[in-house]
Amino acid sequence: MDTPKRNPFVIVEHSNPDSPPAQLSGDTTITVSLNGKNHEVKEGTSLADFIRTLGLQPKGIAIAIDYEVVPKDKWQETLLSDHLELMLIHAVSGG
């Protein structure tokens, strides 16, 4: 029997696409790893918010979770979870 593949990120569905996803209450922090470097973030932080706190612009980068790229249109609704491993990929042009 095949074991179902674990979904490494949580997508929060919300009815109004113009409103941000609900944040979890409390001041609990979690640890996520980005390219091997640990970062402490508040529980309920979205991938988009995390990228902004790093001062990164979304243009020219991709983020993978468990080696699967998260589409940019899902960054705001993708909530980070404790001990998640993220990979930041920069687009490079040239040949």
N, C-alpha and C. Protein backbone atom coordinates (compact mmCIF):
# COMPACT_ATOMS: atom_id res chain seq x y z
N MET A 1 0.85 -1.19 0.00
CA MET A 1 0.00 0.00 0.00
C MET A 1 0.88 1.24 0.00
N ASP A 2 0.61 2.16 -0.90
CA ASP A 2 1.39 3.40 -0.99
C ASP A 2 1.02 4.35 0.13
N THR A 3 2.05 4.98 0.69
CA THR A 3 1.83 6.00 1.70
C THR A 3 1.55 7.31 0.99
N PRO A 4 0.48 8.03 1.38
CA PRO A 4 0.21 9.31 0.72
C PRO A 4 1.34 10.29 0.97
N LYS A 5 1.63 11.11 -0.05
CA LYS A 5 2.68 12.11 0.06
C LYS A 5 2.26 13.21 1.02
N ARG A 6 3.16 13.56 1.95
CA ARG A 6 2.89 14.60 2.94
C ARG A 6 2.96 15.96 2.27
N ASN A 7 1.96 16.77 2.55
CA ASN A 7 1.96 18.14 2.03
C ASN A 7 2.81 18.99 2.97
N PRO A 8 3.93 19.55 2.51
CA PRO A 8 4.85 20.25 3.40
C PRO A 8 4.41 21.66 3.76
N PHE A 9 3.38 22.17 3.12
CA PHE A 9 2.93 23.51 3.46
C PHE A 9 1.43 23.54 3.56
N VAL A 10 0.96 24.53 4.28
CA VAL A 10 -0.47 24.68 4.53
C VAL A 10 -0.99 25.82 3.68
N ILE A 11 -2.06 25.56 2.96
CA ILE A 11 -2.70 26.62 2.20
C ILE A 11 -4.00 26.96 2.90
N VAL A 12 -4.17 28.22 3.22
CA VAL A 12 -5.36 28.68 3.91
C VAL A 12 -6.33 29.21 2.87
N GLU A 13 -7.50 28.63 2.82
CA GLU A 13 -8.52 29.12 1.90
C GLU A 13 -9.29 30.24 2.60
N HIS A 14 -9.55 31.31 1.89
CA HIS A 14 -10.36 32.38 2.45
C HIS A 14 -11.26 32.91 1.35
N SER A 15 -12.43 33.38 1.75
CA SER A 15 -13.46 33.73 0.78
C SER A 15 -13.18 35.02 0.03
N ASN A 16 -12.53 35.98 0.64
CA ASN A 16 -12.27 37.25 -0.01
C ASN A 16 -10.82 37.28 -0.49
N PRO A 17 -10.59 37.20 -1.80
CA PRO A 17 -9.20 37.16 -2.28
C PRO A 17 -8.43 38.44 -2.03
N ASP A 18 -9.13 39.55 -1.72
CA ASP A 18 -8.44 40.81 -1.46
C ASP A 18 -7.99 40.95 -0.01
N SER A 19 -8.50 40.08 0.86
CA SER A 19 -8.11 40.18 2.27
C SER A 19 -7.00 39.18 2.55
N PRO A 20 -6.10 39.52 3.47
CA PRO A 20 -5.00 38.61 3.79
C PRO A 20 -5.52 37.41 4.58
N PRO A 21 -4.79 36.30 4.55
CA PRO A 21 -5.23 35.15 5.32
C PRO A 21 -5.18 35.45 6.82
N ALA A 22 -5.99 34.74 7.56
CA ALA A 22 -6.03 34.93 9.01
C ALA A 22 -4.70 34.51 9.62
N GLN A 23 -4.24 35.27 10.58
CA GLN A 23 -3.02 34.94 11.29
C GLN A 23 -3.38 34.19 12.57
N LEU A 24 -2.52 33.27 12.96
CA LEU A 24 -2.75 32.54 14.21
C LEU A 24 -2.46 33.47 15.37
N SER A 25 -3.20 33.30 16.43
CA SER A 25 -3.00 34.17 17.59
C SER A 25 -1.82 33.69 18.42
N GLY A 26 -1.33 34.57 19.26
CA GLY A 26 -0.24 34.23 20.16
C GLY A 26 1.09 34.71 19.62
N ASP A 27 2.11 34.56 20.45
CA ASP A 27 3.44 35.01 20.08
C ASP A 27 4.39 33.83 19.92
N THR A 28 3.86 32.69 19.56
CA THR A 28 4.69 31.51 19.39
C THR A 28 5.60 31.69 18.18
N THR A 29 6.86 31.34 18.34
CA THR A 29 7.78 31.39 17.21
C THR A 29 8.09 29.98 16.74
N ILE A 30 8.41 29.89 15.46
CA ILE A 30 8.81 28.63 14.87
C ILE A 30 10.15 28.85 14.18
N THR A 31 10.83 27.77 13.87
CA THR A 31 12.12 27.85 13.19
C THR A 31 11.96 27.24 11.80
N VAL A 32 12.37 28.00 10.80
CA VAL A 32 12.40 27.50 9.43
C VAL A 32 13.83 27.65 8.92
N SER A 33 14.19 26.80 7.98
CA SER A 33 15.52 26.83 7.41
C SER A 33 15.42 27.32 5.97
N LEU A 34 16.21 28.32 5.64
CA LEU A 34 16.28 28.84 4.28
C LEU A 34 17.70 28.66 3.78
N ASN A 35 17.86 27.80 2.79
CA ASN A 35 19.18 27.47 2.24
C ASN A 35 20.17 27.11 3.34
N GLY A 36 19.70 26.35 4.32
CA GLY A 36 20.56 25.85 5.39
C GLY A 36 20.74 26.78 6.57
N LYS A 37 20.18 27.99 6.52
CA LYS A 37 20.31 28.94 7.63
C LYS A 37 18.97 29.04 8.35
N ASN A 38 18.99 28.84 9.67
CA ASN A 38 17.77 28.89 10.46
C ASN A 38 17.30 30.32 10.69
N HIS A 39 15.98 30.48 10.66
CA HIS A 39 15.33 31.76 10.92
C HIS A 39 14.17 31.53 11.87
N GLU A 40 14.04 32.39 12.87
CA GLU A 40 12.90 32.34 13.78
C GLU A 40 11.83 33.28 13.25
N VAL A 41 10.61 32.77 13.11
CA VAL A 41 9.49 33.59 12.64
C VAL A 41 8.29 33.32 13.52
N LYS A 42 7.37 34.25 13.51
CA LYS A 42 6.14 34.11 14.28
C LYS A 42 5.25 33.06 13.63
N GLU A 43 4.66 32.21 14.46
CA GLU A 43 3.73 31.21 13.95
C GLU A 43 2.61 31.92 13.19
N GLY A 44 2.22 31.38 12.03
CA GLY A 44 1.20 31.99 11.21
C GLY A 44 1.76 32.90 10.13
N THR A 45 3.10 32.97 10.02
CA THR A 45 3.73 33.79 9.00
C THR A 45 3.57 33.14 7.63
N SER A 46 3.17 33.95 6.67
CA SER A 46 3.05 33.42 5.30
C SER A 46 4.41 33.45 4.62
N LEU A 47 4.54 32.68 3.57
CA LEU A 47 5.77 32.68 2.79
C LEU A 47 6.05 34.07 2.24
N ALA A 48 5.02 34.77 1.77
CA ALA A 48 5.19 36.13 1.24
C ALA A 48 5.71 37.08 2.31
N ASP A 49 5.16 37.00 3.52
CA ASP A 49 5.61 37.88 4.60
C ASP A 49 7.06 37.57 4.98
N PHE A 50 7.41 36.30 5.00
CA PHE A 50 8.78 35.91 5.33
C PHE A 50 9.76 36.49 4.31
N ILE A 51 9.43 36.38 3.04
CA ILE A 51 10.30 36.92 1.98
C ILE A 51 10.46 38.43 2.14
N ARG A 52 9.36 39.11 2.48
CA ARG A 52 9.42 40.58 2.69
C ARG A 52 10.31 40.92 3.87
N THR A 53 10.23 40.15 4.96
CA THR A 53 11.06 40.46 6.14
C THR A 53 12.54 40.29 5.84
N LEU A 54 12.86 39.49 4.84
CA LEU A 54 14.26 39.32 4.45
C LEU A 54 14.73 40.43 3.52
N GLY A 55 13.79 41.29 3.11
CA GLY A 55 14.13 42.39 2.22
C GLY A 55 14.30 41.96 0.76
N LEU A 56 13.75 40.81 0.43
CA LEU A 56 13.87 40.30 -0.94
C LEU A 56 12.69 40.74 -1.79
N GLN A 57 12.94 40.98 -3.04
CA GLN A 57 11.89 41.28 -4.00
C GLN A 57 11.53 39.97 -4.70
N PRO A 58 10.24 39.71 -4.93
CA PRO A 58 9.84 38.45 -5.53
C PRO A 58 10.30 38.24 -6.97
N LYS A 59 10.59 39.33 -7.67
CA LYS A 59 11.00 39.19 -9.07
C LYS A 59 12.36 38.49 -9.17
N GLY A 60 12.40 37.46 -9.99
CA GLY A 60 13.66 36.76 -10.23
C GLY A 60 14.02 35.69 -9.23
N ILE A 61 13.11 35.39 -8.29
CA ILE A 61 13.40 34.32 -7.33
C ILE A 61 12.25 33.31 -7.33
N ALA A 62 12.57 32.13 -6.87
CA ALA A 62 11.58 31.08 -6.65
C ALA A 62 11.88 30.47 -5.29
N ILE A 63 10.84 29.97 -4.65
CA ILE A 63 11.00 29.31 -3.36
C ILE A 63 10.47 27.88 -3.50
N ALA A 64 11.28 26.93 -3.05
CA ALA A 64 10.87 25.52 -3.07
C ALA A 64 10.73 25.00 -1.65
N ILE A 65 9.74 24.18 -1.44
CA ILE A 65 9.53 23.46 -0.18
C ILE A 65 9.52 21.99 -0.55
N ASP A 66 10.39 21.22 0.09
CA ASP A 66 10.55 19.80 -0.27
C ASP A 66 10.79 19.64 -1.77
N TYR A 67 11.62 20.48 -2.31
CA TYR A 67 12.04 20.45 -3.72
C TYR A 67 10.90 20.71 -4.70
N GLU A 68 9.80 21.27 -4.21
CA GLU A 68 8.69 21.66 -5.08
C GLU A 68 8.53 23.17 -5.02
N VAL A 69 8.60 23.81 -6.16
CA VAL A 69 8.47 25.27 -6.22
C VAL A 69 7.03 25.65 -5.88
N VAL A 70 6.90 26.64 -4.99
CA VAL A 70 5.59 27.17 -4.62
C VAL A 70 5.28 28.31 -5.58
N PRO A 71 4.18 28.23 -6.33
CA PRO A 71 3.84 29.32 -7.24
C PRO A 71 3.70 30.64 -6.49
N LYS A 72 4.16 31.72 -7.10
CA LYS A 72 4.12 33.03 -6.44
C LYS A 72 2.70 33.43 -6.05
N ASP A 73 1.71 33.03 -6.82
CA ASP A 73 0.34 33.40 -6.46
C ASP A 73 -0.17 32.64 -5.24
N LYS A 74 0.63 31.70 -4.72
CA LYS A 74 0.26 30.96 -3.50
C LYS A 74 1.10 31.38 -2.29
N TRP A 75 2.06 32.29 -2.48
CA TRP A 75 2.94 32.69 -1.38
C TRP A 75 2.17 33.29 -0.21
N GLN A 76 1.18 34.14 -0.47
CA GLN A 76 0.47 34.81 0.63
C GLN A 76 -0.35 33.81 1.44
N GLU A 77 -0.86 32.77 0.82
CA GLU A 77 -1.70 31.82 1.54
C GLU A 77 -0.94 30.59 2.02
N THR A 78 0.35 30.53 1.75
CA THR A 78 1.18 29.43 2.22
C THR A 78 1.79 29.80 3.56
N LEU A 79 1.33 29.11 4.61
CA LEU A 79 1.83 29.39 5.95
C LEU A 79 3.03 28.50 6.26
N LEU A 80 4.04 29.10 6.88
CA LEU A 80 5.23 28.36 7.25
C LEU A 80 4.94 27.53 8.49
N SER A 81 5.60 26.39 8.57
CA SER A 81 5.44 25.53 9.75
C SER A 81 6.82 25.23 10.34
N ASP A 82 6.82 24.82 11.60
CA ASP A 82 8.06 24.59 12.33
C ASP A 82 8.92 23.54 11.63
N HIS A 83 10.21 23.82 11.55
CA HIS A 83 11.24 22.94 10.99
C HIS A 83 11.09 22.74 9.49
N LEU A 84 10.44 23.66 8.82
CA LEU A 84 10.29 23.59 7.38
C LEU A 84 11.60 23.96 6.71
N GLU A 85 11.95 23.25 5.63
CA GLU A 85 13.17 23.56 4.89
C GLU A 85 12.80 24.20 3.57
N LEU A 86 13.25 25.45 3.41
CA LEU A 86 12.97 26.21 2.21
C LEU A 86 14.24 26.34 1.39
N MET A 87 14.08 26.42 0.08
CA MET A 87 15.20 26.65 -0.81
C MET A 87 14.90 27.87 -1.66
N LEU A 88 15.77 28.85 -1.59
CA LEU A 88 15.66 30.07 -2.39
C LEU A 88 16.48 29.87 -3.65
N ILE A 89 15.82 30.08 -4.79
CA ILE A 89 16.47 29.91 -6.07
C ILE A 89 16.43 31.25 -6.81
N HIS A 90 17.60 31.74 -7.22
CA HIS A 90 17.70 33.00 -7.97
C HIS A 90 17.79 32.67 -9.45
N ALA A 91 17.01 33.39 -10.25
CA ALA A 91 17.11 33.24 -11.70
C ALA A 91 18.38 33.91 -12.17
N VAL A 92 19.08 33.27 -13.07
CA VAL A 92 20.33 33.81 -13.63
C VAL A 92 20.18 33.80 -15.14
N SER A 93 20.48 34.92 -15.75
CA SER A 93 20.41 34.96 -17.21
C SER A 93 21.81 34.91 -17.79
N GLY A 94 21.86 34.58 -19.04
CA GLY A 94 23.16 34.51 -19.69
C GLY A 94 23.41 33.11 -20.23
N GLY A 95 24.54 32.90 -20.73
CA GLY A 95 24.77 31.60 -21.33
C GLY A 95 26.16 31.16 -21.28
